[in-house]
Amino acid sequence: MSMLSDKNKNALGGLALAQTASDFSIIQDPDCAGVLCQARISSHILAWLASLDPACLPKARVILRPDRVHSALVQICGMSQMPVCAERDAFIAHAQQLSDAFMHIMKAPYLRLRFDVISHNACSRFHIDALTARLICTYRGTGTQYGLANAARDPETIHTVPTGAAIVLRGKRWPSKAKLDLVHRSPPIQGTGQTRLVLVLDSIADLDEGV
């Protein structure tokens, strides 16, 4: 039985709305294929990130225990030469908050944390990830695009996650399947001149899975 309330339902079937990251547990509802968090990081931080030289944006791909996320974020930002300031602290705190909320519902021993800096068309086909669940938050540039699966074609209606908002999506390895398939892709940005900064979080049950 679905426990989604009307206030949690999105016009797009299978996608639920969360007021904050602490509401990501809605993803466990049998009729839920994804959860979009309506709370976003502040516009001030987004403007600061947009002003940075792309060379200073964090790039990383690490697998770690959830209790090591904060120290890893500090190290990653330091290695990227991201300016040390209150805005960087707020950025780290937001990524930490998303990690904590995601791992609270996934309850896996490991987390794969990835920062991608993208200035081309990456993963531009609509798809469902071959994993249990994934959190995506675009901090700079156009957000992830999503819609309902439509045979071999792109979704009839394509939606875009707001920059600074996080979305959690079920993958093919989720124990049960929602009634409607929610597919997603990176937005096509080739030739636009924009540089995206994307945080991706995956739960990892064992280290072999993360390879």
Foldseek 3Di string as FASTA:
>chain_A
DFPDDPQQDDPAFQEGEAQALLPQLSCPGQQHFKYWHPDFQDPVLLVVVQPDDLLQFFWDKDKDFLVCLLVVLVVRNVVSVPDDDPSSVSVSVVVNVNSVSVCVNVVAGMKIKGKDKDQFFDFADWDFDAAAKKKKAKSYDWAKKKHWDDPRDDHPDIDTRDHRIMMMGGHPPHPHDHPTDMIIGHHGRPPVRTIIIMIMMHGDNDPVVVD
